[in-house]
Amino acid sequence: MGEAKASTRPGDVVLKGKLEMPIKGLDQAIRKMKELERAVAALDGDITSVSFDPNDPQSIELAIQQMETAIDERVGSYSKNDMVEGVVVELKERYRQAILDRAAAGRAAEESGS
């Protein structure tokens, strides 16, 4: 490692040498960030298309499951990365809510049309 030398003034120390202290966890953080970047790129664009009957709760649930499966397939092995997992959970919830909102809108449209 480096060495310390006394300077001409009392109390001053000059440090020379290379920094040989590894930054723990930096490699892992860099790997996780690269995986996050790849996962986000995989989720960019159209992920899947689902169809459902707004009056059939089972059909709605199946559409949600299809959407979640499509997301999981896109992120693949990156899903074990906690950073990716956070994005995936948020994305699934957002799309789940969008499906539920469309189902409610479909039911409302049918009721007002009847």
N, C-alpha and C. Protein backbone atom coordinates (compact mmCIF):
# COMPACT_ATOMS: atom_id res chain seq x y z
N MET A 1 0.85 -1.17 0.00
CA MET A 1 0.00 0.00 0.00
C MET A 1 0.89 1.23 0.00
N GLY A 2 0.39 2.39 0.28
CA GLY A 2 1.15 3.63 0.24
C GLY A 2 2.01 3.81 1.47
N GLU A 3 2.74 4.88 1.49
CA GLU A 3 3.59 5.17 2.63
C GLU A 3 3.33 6.60 3.08
N ALA A 4 3.61 6.86 4.32
CA ALA A 4 3.45 8.20 4.88
C ALA A 4 4.82 8.76 5.17
N LYS A 5 5.03 10.02 4.82
CA LYS A 5 6.30 10.69 5.10
C LYS A 5 6.01 11.99 5.82
N ALA A 6 6.86 12.29 6.75
CA ALA A 6 6.72 13.56 7.46
C ALA A 6 7.16 14.69 6.54
N SER A 7 6.46 15.81 6.61
CA SER A 7 6.84 16.97 5.80
C SER A 7 7.74 17.87 6.63
N THR A 8 8.07 18.99 6.08
CA THR A 8 8.95 19.91 6.78
C THR A 8 8.27 20.61 7.94
N ARG A 9 6.93 20.68 7.94
CA ARG A 9 6.21 21.34 9.05
C ARG A 9 5.73 20.29 10.03
N PRO A 10 5.88 20.51 11.29
CA PRO A 10 5.40 19.55 12.27
C PRO A 10 3.88 19.37 12.17
N GLY A 11 3.43 18.15 12.26
CA GLY A 11 1.99 17.87 12.21
C GLY A 11 1.48 17.58 10.81
N ASP A 12 2.22 17.87 9.75
CA ASP A 12 1.82 17.58 8.38
C ASP A 12 2.32 16.21 7.97
N VAL A 13 1.55 15.51 7.20
CA VAL A 13 1.94 14.19 6.69
C VAL A 13 1.64 14.18 5.20
N VAL A 14 2.55 13.70 4.41
CA VAL A 14 2.37 13.56 2.96
C VAL A 14 2.14 12.07 2.69
N LEU A 15 1.06 11.75 2.05
CA LEU A 15 0.75 10.36 1.73
C LEU A 15 1.08 10.10 0.28
N LYS A 16 1.83 9.03 0.03
CA LYS A 16 2.19 8.67 -1.34
C LYS A 16 1.85 7.20 -1.55
N GLY A 17 1.54 6.86 -2.76
CA GLY A 17 1.29 5.46 -3.08
C GLY A 17 -0.01 5.30 -3.82
N LYS A 18 -0.28 4.07 -4.20
CA LYS A 18 -1.51 3.75 -4.93
C LYS A 18 -2.62 3.41 -3.95
N LEU A 19 -3.82 3.71 -4.35
CA LEU A 19 -4.98 3.32 -3.56
C LEU A 19 -5.26 1.86 -3.88
N GLU A 20 -5.05 1.00 -2.92
CA GLU A 20 -5.22 -0.42 -3.13
C GLU A 20 -6.39 -0.97 -2.34
N MET A 21 -7.28 -0.11 -1.96
CA MET A 21 -8.43 -0.51 -1.18
C MET A 21 -9.59 -0.81 -2.12
N PRO A 22 -10.01 -2.07 -2.23
CA PRO A 22 -11.15 -2.37 -3.12
C PRO A 22 -12.44 -1.78 -2.54
N ILE A 23 -13.26 -1.30 -3.40
CA ILE A 23 -14.56 -0.78 -2.97
C ILE A 23 -15.52 -1.95 -2.99
N LYS A 24 -15.85 -2.40 -1.80
CA LYS A 24 -16.68 -3.58 -1.67
C LYS A 24 -18.08 -3.33 -2.23
N GLY A 25 -18.54 -4.30 -3.00
CA GLY A 25 -19.89 -4.22 -3.54
C GLY A 25 -20.02 -3.42 -4.82
N LEU A 26 -18.97 -2.72 -5.22
CA LEU A 26 -19.06 -1.91 -6.44
C LEU A 26 -19.29 -2.78 -7.67
N ASP A 27 -18.56 -3.87 -7.78
CA ASP A 27 -18.73 -4.77 -8.93
C ASP A 27 -20.16 -5.30 -9.00
N GLN A 28 -20.68 -5.67 -7.84
CA GLN A 28 -22.06 -6.19 -7.79
C GLN A 28 -23.06 -5.10 -8.18
N ALA A 29 -22.85 -3.89 -7.70
CA ALA A 29 -23.75 -2.79 -8.04
C ALA A 29 -23.71 -2.49 -9.54
N ILE A 30 -22.54 -2.53 -10.11
CA ILE A 30 -22.40 -2.29 -11.55
C ILE A 30 -23.13 -3.38 -12.33
N ARG A 31 -22.95 -4.65 -11.90
CA ARG A 31 -23.63 -5.77 -12.57
C ARG A 31 -25.14 -5.60 -12.49
N LYS A 32 -25.63 -5.23 -11.30
CA LYS A 32 -27.08 -5.05 -11.13
C LYS A 32 -27.60 -3.92 -12.01
N MET A 33 -26.85 -2.84 -12.13
CA MET A 33 -27.28 -1.72 -12.98
C MET A 33 -27.32 -2.14 -14.45
N LYS A 34 -26.35 -2.92 -14.88
CA LYS A 34 -26.34 -3.39 -16.27
C LYS A 34 -27.52 -4.32 -16.54
N GLU A 35 -27.82 -5.18 -15.57
CA GLU A 35 -28.97 -6.07 -15.71
C GLU A 35 -30.26 -5.26 -15.74
N LEU A 36 -30.35 -4.25 -14.91
CA LEU A 36 -31.53 -3.37 -14.90
C LEU A 36 -31.69 -2.71 -16.26
N GLU A 37 -30.60 -2.23 -16.82
CA GLU A 37 -30.64 -1.59 -18.13
C GLU A 37 -31.15 -2.57 -19.20
N ARG A 38 -30.65 -3.81 -19.16
CA ARG A 38 -31.09 -4.82 -20.14
C ARG A 38 -32.56 -5.19 -19.94
N ALA A 39 -32.97 -5.31 -18.68
CA ALA A 39 -34.37 -5.66 -18.40
C ALA A 39 -35.31 -4.56 -18.86
N VAL A 40 -34.96 -3.32 -18.59
CA VAL A 40 -35.80 -2.20 -19.01
C VAL A 40 -35.88 -2.15 -20.54
N ALA A 41 -34.77 -2.40 -21.20
CA ALA A 41 -34.77 -2.44 -22.67
C ALA A 41 -35.68 -3.56 -23.18
N ALA A 42 -35.67 -4.70 -22.49
CA ALA A 42 -36.51 -5.83 -22.89
C ALA A 42 -37.99 -5.51 -22.70
N LEU A 43 -38.29 -4.63 -21.76
CA LEU A 43 -39.69 -4.27 -21.47
C LEU A 43 -40.16 -3.07 -22.30
N ASP A 44 -39.27 -2.50 -23.08
CA ASP A 44 -39.63 -1.35 -23.91
C ASP A 44 -40.48 -1.81 -25.08
N GLY A 45 -41.50 -1.06 -25.40
CA GLY A 45 -42.37 -1.40 -26.53
C GLY A 45 -43.54 -2.27 -26.12
N ASP A 46 -44.18 -2.87 -27.11
CA ASP A 46 -45.33 -3.74 -26.85
C ASP A 46 -44.86 -5.01 -26.14
N ILE A 47 -45.48 -5.30 -25.02
CA ILE A 47 -45.12 -6.50 -24.26
C ILE A 47 -46.00 -7.66 -24.66
N THR A 48 -47.30 -7.42 -24.69
CA THR A 48 -48.25 -8.44 -25.11
C THR A 48 -49.59 -7.76 -25.37
N SER A 49 -50.51 -8.52 -25.91
CA SER A 49 -51.87 -8.04 -26.14
C SER A 49 -52.80 -9.07 -25.49
N VAL A 50 -53.74 -8.58 -24.69
CA VAL A 50 -54.67 -9.49 -24.03
C VAL A 50 -56.10 -9.09 -24.37
N SER A 51 -56.97 -10.07 -24.36
CA SER A 51 -58.40 -9.84 -24.58
C SER A 51 -59.15 -10.46 -23.40
N PHE A 52 -60.29 -9.85 -23.06
CA PHE A 52 -61.07 -10.39 -21.95
C PHE A 52 -62.51 -9.91 -22.06
N ASP A 53 -63.38 -10.62 -21.38
CA ASP A 53 -64.79 -10.26 -21.28
C ASP A 53 -64.93 -9.42 -20.02
N PRO A 54 -65.33 -8.15 -20.14
CA PRO A 54 -65.41 -7.28 -18.96
C PRO A 54 -66.43 -7.75 -17.93
N ASN A 55 -67.33 -8.64 -18.32
CA ASN A 55 -68.35 -9.14 -17.40
C ASN A 55 -67.98 -10.48 -16.76
N ASP A 56 -66.82 -11.00 -17.11
CA ASP A 56 -66.40 -12.31 -16.61
C ASP A 56 -65.12 -12.16 -15.78
N PRO A 57 -65.25 -12.21 -14.44
CA PRO A 57 -64.07 -12.05 -13.58
C PRO A 57 -62.96 -13.06 -13.89
N GLN A 58 -63.32 -14.26 -14.28
CA GLN A 58 -62.32 -15.27 -14.61
C GLN A 58 -61.54 -14.86 -15.87
N SER A 59 -62.23 -14.29 -16.83
CA SER A 59 -61.60 -13.83 -18.06
C SER A 59 -60.64 -12.66 -17.75
N ILE A 60 -61.06 -11.78 -16.87
CA ILE A 60 -60.22 -10.65 -16.48
C ILE A 60 -58.96 -11.15 -15.77
N GLU A 61 -59.13 -12.08 -14.85
CA GLU A 61 -57.99 -12.64 -14.11
C GLU A 61 -57.03 -13.35 -15.06
N LEU A 62 -57.55 -14.06 -16.04
CA LEU A 62 -56.70 -14.73 -17.02
C LEU A 62 -55.88 -13.72 -17.82
N ALA A 63 -56.51 -12.60 -18.18
CA ALA A 63 -55.78 -11.54 -18.91
C ALA A 63 -54.65 -10.98 -18.05
N ILE A 64 -54.91 -10.80 -16.76
CA ILE A 64 -53.88 -10.30 -15.85
C ILE A 64 -52.74 -11.30 -15.76
N GLN A 65 -53.06 -12.57 -15.65
CA GLN A 65 -52.03 -13.62 -15.57
C GLN A 65 -51.20 -13.67 -16.85
N GLN A 66 -51.86 -13.52 -18.00
CA GLN A 66 -51.15 -13.52 -19.28
C GLN A 66 -50.18 -12.34 -19.35
N MET A 67 -50.61 -11.19 -18.90
CA MET A 67 -49.77 -10.00 -18.89
C MET A 67 -48.56 -10.22 -17.98
N GLU A 68 -48.78 -10.76 -16.78
CA GLU A 68 -47.69 -10.99 -15.84
C GLU A 68 -46.69 -12.01 -16.38
N THR A 69 -47.18 -13.05 -17.04
CA THR A 69 -46.32 -14.06 -17.64
C THR A 69 -45.46 -13.45 -18.74
N ALA A 70 -46.07 -12.60 -19.56
CA ALA A 70 -45.33 -11.95 -20.65
C ALA A 70 -44.21 -11.07 -20.10
N ILE A 71 -44.49 -10.35 -19.02
CA ILE A 71 -43.45 -9.52 -18.39
C ILE A 71 -42.34 -10.40 -17.84
N ASP A 72 -42.70 -11.47 -17.14
CA ASP A 72 -41.70 -12.38 -16.57
C ASP A 72 -40.81 -12.98 -17.66
N GLU A 73 -41.41 -13.33 -18.78
CA GLU A 73 -40.64 -13.90 -19.88
C GLU A 73 -39.66 -12.88 -20.47
N ARG A 74 -40.08 -11.63 -20.50
CA ARG A 74 -39.20 -10.58 -21.04
C ARG A 74 -37.98 -10.34 -20.15
N VAL A 75 -38.17 -10.32 -18.84
CA VAL A 75 -37.04 -10.03 -17.95
C VAL A 75 -36.20 -11.26 -17.66
N GLY A 76 -36.77 -12.45 -17.83
CA GLY A 76 -36.02 -13.69 -17.69
C GLY A 76 -35.24 -13.79 -16.41
N SER A 77 -33.96 -14.11 -16.54
CA SER A 77 -33.11 -14.36 -15.37
C SER A 77 -32.82 -13.09 -14.58
N TYR A 78 -33.08 -11.93 -15.14
CA TYR A 78 -32.84 -10.68 -14.41
C TYR A 78 -33.83 -10.48 -13.27
N SER A 79 -34.88 -11.29 -13.23
CA SER A 79 -35.90 -11.11 -12.20
C SER A 79 -35.36 -11.34 -10.79
N LYS A 80 -34.21 -12.01 -10.67
CA LYS A 80 -33.60 -12.23 -9.35
C LYS A 80 -32.88 -10.97 -8.84
N ASN A 81 -32.69 -10.02 -9.71
CA ASN A 81 -32.05 -8.75 -9.36
C ASN A 81 -33.08 -7.89 -8.63
N ASP A 82 -32.78 -7.45 -7.42
CA ASP A 82 -33.76 -6.69 -6.64
C ASP A 82 -34.15 -5.37 -7.30
N MET A 83 -33.25 -4.78 -8.06
CA MET A 83 -33.58 -3.54 -8.77
C MET A 83 -34.60 -3.82 -9.88
N VAL A 84 -34.38 -4.91 -10.59
CA VAL A 84 -35.30 -5.32 -11.66
C VAL A 84 -36.64 -5.73 -11.06
N GLU A 85 -36.59 -6.44 -9.95
CA GLU A 85 -37.82 -6.89 -9.29
C GLU A 85 -38.72 -5.70 -8.94
N GLY A 86 -38.13 -4.62 -8.47
CA GLY A 86 -38.92 -3.43 -8.14
C GLY A 86 -39.63 -2.86 -9.36
N VAL A 87 -38.93 -2.81 -10.49
CA VAL A 87 -39.52 -2.31 -11.73
C VAL A 87 -40.64 -3.25 -12.18
N VAL A 88 -40.39 -4.54 -12.10
CA VAL A 88 -41.37 -5.55 -12.54
C VAL A 88 -42.64 -5.47 -11.70
N VAL A 89 -42.49 -5.38 -10.39
CA VAL A 89 -43.66 -5.30 -9.51
C VAL A 89 -44.49 -4.06 -9.83
N GLU A 90 -43.83 -2.94 -10.02
CA GLU A 90 -44.54 -1.70 -10.34
C GLU A 90 -45.23 -1.79 -11.70
N LEU A 91 -44.55 -2.35 -12.68
CA LEU A 91 -45.12 -2.48 -14.02
C LEU A 91 -46.32 -3.41 -14.03
N LYS A 92 -46.20 -4.54 -13.34
CA LYS A 92 -47.33 -5.48 -13.26
C LYS A 92 -48.54 -4.83 -12.60
N GLU A 93 -48.31 -4.08 -11.54
CA GLU A 93 -49.42 -3.42 -10.85
C GLU A 93 -50.07 -2.38 -11.74
N ARG A 94 -49.26 -1.63 -12.47
CA ARG A 94 -49.80 -0.61 -13.37
C ARG A 94 -50.67 -1.25 -14.47
N TYR A 95 -50.16 -2.33 -15.08
CA TYR A 95 -50.93 -3.00 -16.13
C TYR A 95 -52.15 -3.73 -15.57
N ARG A 96 -52.02 -4.29 -14.38
CA ARG A 96 -53.16 -4.94 -13.72
C ARG A 96 -54.28 -3.92 -13.53
N GLN A 97 -53.91 -2.74 -13.03
CA GLN A 97 -54.91 -1.71 -12.81
C GLN A 97 -55.51 -1.23 -14.13
N ALA A 98 -54.71 -1.16 -15.18
CA ALA A 98 -55.22 -0.76 -16.50
C ALA A 98 -56.25 -1.77 -17.01
N ILE A 99 -55.98 -3.04 -16.81
CA ILE A 99 -56.94 -4.08 -17.24
C ILE A 99 -58.23 -3.96 -16.43
N LEU A 100 -58.10 -3.80 -15.12
CA LEU A 100 -59.30 -3.65 -14.28
C LEU A 100 -60.09 -2.39 -14.65
N ASP A 101 -59.40 -1.31 -14.95
CA ASP A 101 -60.08 -0.07 -15.36
C ASP A 101 -60.81 -0.24 -16.69
N ARG A 102 -60.18 -0.93 -17.62
CA ARG A 102 -60.84 -1.17 -18.92
C ARG A 102 -62.04 -2.08 -18.77
N ALA A 103 -61.93 -3.06 -17.88
CA ALA A 103 -63.07 -3.95 -17.64
C ALA A 103 -64.23 -3.15 -17.05
N ALA A 104 -63.94 -2.28 -16.09
CA ALA A 104 -64.98 -1.45 -15.48
C ALA A 104 -65.59 -0.51 -16.52
N ALA A 105 -64.77 0.07 -17.36
CA ALA A 105 -65.27 0.95 -18.42
C ALA A 105 -66.14 0.17 -19.40
N GLY A 106 -65.74 -1.06 -19.72
CA GLY A 106 -66.52 -1.89 -20.63
C GLY A 106 -67.88 -2.23 -20.05
N ARG A 107 -67.91 -2.54 -18.75
CA ARG A 107 -69.19 -2.82 -18.10
C ARG A 107 -70.06 -1.58 -18.06
N ALA A 108 -69.47 -0.44 -17.77
CA ALA A 108 -70.22 0.82 -17.70
C ALA A 108 -70.79 1.18 -19.08
N ALA A 109 -70.02 0.94 -20.12
CA ALA A 109 -70.48 1.24 -21.47
C ALA A 109 -71.65 0.32 -21.84
N GLU A 110 -71.57 -0.94 -21.44
CA GLU A 110 -72.65 -1.87 -21.74
C GLU A 110 -73.93 -1.48 -20.96
N GLU A 111 -73.76 -1.06 -19.72
CA GLU A 111 -74.91 -0.67 -18.91
C GLU A 111 -75.58 0.59 -19.44
N SER A 112 -74.79 1.54 -19.88
CA SER A 112 -75.39 2.77 -20.38
C SER A 112 -75.98 2.59 -21.78
N GLY A 113 -75.49 1.59 -22.48
CA GLY A 113 -76.00 1.31 -23.84
C GLY A 113 -77.28 0.47 -23.82
N SER A 114 -77.57 -0.15 -22.68
CA SER A 114 -78.74 -1.03 -22.58
C SER A 114 -79.98 -0.27 -22.25
